[in-house]
Amino acid sequence: MDITKMKRRPTTPGEVLREEFLAPLKESIGLTQKKLADHIGVDIKVINRLVNDRTSIMPDLAFKLAYAFGTTPEFWLNLQKNVDLYDAYKANAKELKKIKKVS
């Protein structure tokens, strides 16, 4: 994935958690943010901030979500990495384009 050519911001880990995990599991098994937080041993505020894109995911939470949902920590951290790189590129694109390759 070439971050510099992306037209839109990559999907955040919070959006994936909200739309791909919490929403479907709320319907099927009644999983809420609070129940997830209790299940993985974190404060509800951690989950709420993540699903509302007010915080980044850190490795310890990535492991907890991976164990809870049968994914990998890399899955969650790669989502965050893509968002972080996109944001950094967009914030610095003009300056970065002025840098020539060292030969």
C-alpha atoms as a PDB file:
ATOM      1  CA  MET A   1       0.000   0.000   0.000  1.00  0.00           C
ATOM      2  CA  ASP A   2       1.459   3.329  -1.039  1.00  0.00           C
ATOM      3  CA  ILE A   3       0.275   5.804   1.585  1.00  0.00           C
ATOM      4  CA  THR A   4       1.363   8.754  -0.586  1.00  0.00           C
ATOM      5  CA  LYS A   5      -1.179   7.840  -3.294  1.00  0.00           C
ATOM      6  CA  MET A   6      -4.173   7.162  -1.092  1.00  0.00           C
ATOM      7  CA  LYS A   7      -7.249   9.312  -1.757  1.00  0.00           C
ATOM      8  CA  ARG A   8      -8.785   8.830   1.687  1.00  0.00           C
ATOM      9  CA  ARG A   9      -7.589   8.215   5.213  1.00  0.00           C
ATOM     10  CA  PRO A  10      -7.162   4.517   6.001  1.00  0.00           C
ATOM     11  CA  THR A  11      -9.729   2.823   8.180  1.00  0.00           C
ATOM     12  CA  THR A  12      -8.876   3.243  11.848  1.00  0.00           C
ATOM     13  CA  PRO A  13      -8.665   0.353  14.307  1.00  0.00           C
ATOM     14  CA  GLY A  14     -11.535   1.997  16.188  1.00  0.00           C
ATOM     15  CA  GLU A  15     -13.778   1.930  13.148  1.00  0.00           C
ATOM     16  CA  VAL A  16     -12.914  -1.715  12.497  1.00  0.00           C
ATOM     17  CA  LEU A  17     -13.625  -2.592  16.113  1.00  0.00           C
ATOM     18  CA  ARG A  18     -16.915  -0.692  16.044  1.00  0.00           C
ATOM     19  CA  GLU A  19     -18.229  -1.839  12.653  1.00  0.00           C
ATOM     20  CA  GLU A  20     -16.724  -5.287  12.148  1.00  0.00           C
ATOM     21  CA  PHE A  21     -16.728  -6.639  15.679  1.00  0.00           C
ATOM     22  CA  LEU A  22     -18.904  -4.735  18.153  1.00  0.00           C
ATOM     23  CA  ALA A  23     -21.910  -4.034  15.904  1.00  0.00           C
ATOM     24  CA  PRO A  24     -22.388  -7.607  14.665  1.00  0.00           C
ATOM     25  CA  LEU A  25     -21.621  -9.141  18.060  1.00  0.00           C
ATOM     26  CA  LYS A  26     -23.998  -6.784  19.818  1.00  0.00           C
ATOM     27  CA  GLU A  27     -26.812  -8.208  17.702  1.00  0.00           C
ATOM     28  CA  SER A  28     -25.773 -11.827  18.062  1.00  0.00           C
ATOM     29  CA  ILE A  29     -24.472 -12.093  21.638  1.00  0.00           C
ATOM     30  CA  GLY A  30     -25.160  -8.696  23.199  1.00  0.00           C
ATOM     31  CA  LEU A  31     -21.513  -7.571  23.254  1.00  0.00           C
ATOM     32  CA  THR A  32     -21.239  -3.935  24.330  1.00  0.00           C
ATOM     33  CA  GLN A  33     -18.239  -1.700  24.856  1.00  0.00           C
ATOM     34  CA  LYS A  34     -18.590  -2.265  28.612  1.00  0.00           C
ATOM     35  CA  LYS A  35     -18.772  -6.046  28.275  1.00  0.00           C
ATOM     36  CA  LEU A  36     -15.739  -6.063  25.988  1.00  0.00           C
ATOM     37  CA  ALA A  37     -13.799  -3.842  28.383  1.00  0.00           C
ATOM     38  CA  ASP A  38     -14.637  -6.144  31.298  1.00  0.00           C
ATOM     39  CA  HIS A  39     -13.819  -9.239  29.227  1.00  0.00           C
ATOM     40  CA  ILE A  40     -10.321  -8.053  28.319  1.00  0.00           C
ATOM     41  CA  GLY A  41      -9.597  -6.266  31.583  1.00  0.00           C
ATOM     42  CA  VAL A  42      -9.476  -2.625  30.540  1.00  0.00           C
ATOM     43  CA  ASP A  43     -11.438   0.449  31.559  1.00  0.00           C
ATOM     44  CA  ILE A  44     -14.514   1.222  29.465  1.00  0.00           C
ATOM     45  CA  LYS A  45     -12.909   4.587  28.635  1.00  0.00           C
ATOM     46  CA  VAL A  46     -10.145   2.791  26.725  1.00  0.00           C
ATOM     47  CA  ILE A  47     -12.627   1.049  24.440  1.00  0.00           C
ATOM     48  CA  ASN A  48     -14.809   4.144  24.103  1.00  0.00           C
ATOM     49  CA  ARG A  49     -11.880   6.359  23.115  1.00  0.00           C
ATOM     50  CA  LEU A  50     -10.723   3.777  20.591  1.00  0.00           C
ATOM     51  CA  VAL A  51     -14.100   3.277  18.894  1.00  0.00           C
ATOM     52  CA  ASN A  52     -14.586   7.052  18.735  1.00  0.00           C
ATOM     53  CA  ASP A  53     -11.120   7.548  17.185  1.00  0.00           C
ATOM     54  CA  ARG A  54      -9.897   9.650  20.094  1.00  0.00           C
ATOM     55  CA  THR A  55      -6.881   7.451  20.823  1.00  0.00           C
ATOM     56  CA  SER A  56      -4.435   5.188  19.052  1.00  0.00           C
ATOM     57  CA  ILE A  57      -4.154   1.499  19.686  1.00  0.00           C
ATOM     58  CA  MET A  58      -1.094   0.351  21.634  1.00  0.00           C
ATOM     59  CA  PRO A  59       0.550  -3.079  21.580  1.00  0.00           C
ATOM     60  CA  ASP A  60      -0.925  -4.260  24.890  1.00  0.00           C
ATOM     61  CA  LEU A  61      -4.469  -3.513  23.717  1.00  0.00           C
ATOM     62  CA  ALA A  62      -3.711  -5.042  20.314  1.00  0.00           C
ATOM     63  CA  PHE A  63      -2.820  -8.302  22.062  1.00  0.00           C
ATOM     64  CA  LYS A  64      -5.988  -8.230  24.162  1.00  0.00           C
ATOM     65  CA  LEU A  65      -8.211  -7.611  21.157  1.00  0.00           C
ATOM     66  CA  ALA A  66      -6.385 -10.291  19.179  1.00  0.00           C
ATOM     67  CA  TYR A  67      -6.972 -12.857  21.897  1.00  0.00           C
ATOM     68  CA  ALA A  68     -10.612 -11.825  22.329  1.00  0.00           C
ATOM     69  CA  PHE A  69     -11.498 -11.910  18.638  1.00  0.00           C
ATOM     70  CA  GLY A  70      -9.153 -14.555  17.238  1.00  0.00           C
ATOM     71  CA  THR A  71      -7.145 -12.091  15.192  1.00  0.00           C
ATOM     72  CA  THR A  72      -3.495 -11.098  15.571  1.00  0.00           C
ATOM     73  CA  PRO A  73      -1.914  -8.113  17.284  1.00  0.00           C
ATOM     74  CA  GLU A  74      -0.326  -7.296  13.920  1.00  0.00           C
ATOM     75  CA  PHE A  75      -3.797  -6.919  12.405  1.00  0.00           C
ATOM     76  CA  TRP A  76      -4.670  -4.155  14.874  1.00  0.00           C
ATOM     77  CA  LEU A  77      -1.244  -2.489  14.836  1.00  0.00           C
ATOM     78  CA  ASN A  78      -1.094  -2.456  11.024  1.00  0.00           C
ATOM     79  CA  LEU A  79      -4.399  -0.599  10.925  1.00  0.00           C
ATOM     80  CA  GLN A  80      -2.917   1.980  13.289  1.00  0.00           C
ATOM     81  CA  LYS A  81       0.372   2.148  11.383  1.00  0.00           C
ATOM     82  CA  ASN A  82      -1.434   2.922   8.134  1.00  0.00           C
ATOM     83  CA  VAL A  83      -3.418   5.734   9.759  1.00  0.00           C
ATOM     84  CA  ASP A  84      -0.305   7.157  11.429  1.00  0.00           C
ATOM     85  CA  LEU A  85       1.732   7.115   8.207  1.00  0.00           C
ATOM     86  CA  TYR A  86      -1.105   8.685   6.224  1.00  0.00           C
ATOM     87  CA  ASP A  87      -1.560  11.451   8.789  1.00  0.00           C
ATOM     88  CA  ALA A  88       2.180  12.128   8.927  1.00  0.00           C
ATOM     89  CA  TYR A  89       2.435  12.258   5.147  1.00  0.00           C
ATOM     90  CA  LYS A  90      -0.540  14.589   4.789  1.00  0.00           C
ATOM     91  CA  ALA A  91       0.845  16.899   7.479  1.00  0.00           C
ATOM     92  CA  ASN A  92       4.285  17.057   5.837  1.00  0.00           C
ATOM     93  CA  ALA A  93       3.702  16.379   2.128  1.00  0.00           C
ATOM     94  CA  LYS A  94       4.940  19.743   0.822  1.00  0.00           C
ATOM     95  CA  GLU A  95       8.149  19.547   2.817  1.00  0.00           C
ATOM     96  CA  LEU A  96       8.723  15.887   1.978  1.00  0.00           C
ATOM     97  CA  LYS A  97       8.369  16.502  -1.767  1.00  0.00           C
ATOM     98  CA  LYS A  98      11.287  18.961  -1.593  1.00  0.00           C
ATOM     99  CA  ILE A  99      13.676  16.279  -0.313  1.00  0.00           C
ATOM    100  CA  LYS A 100      15.869  14.761  -2.984  1.00  0.00           C
ATOM    101  CA  LYS A 101      17.244  11.243  -2.781  1.00  0.00           C
ATOM    102  CA  VAL A 102      20.781  10.998  -1.443  1.00  0.00           C
ATOM    103  CA  SER A 103      23.043   9.555  -4.137  1.00  0.00           C
END
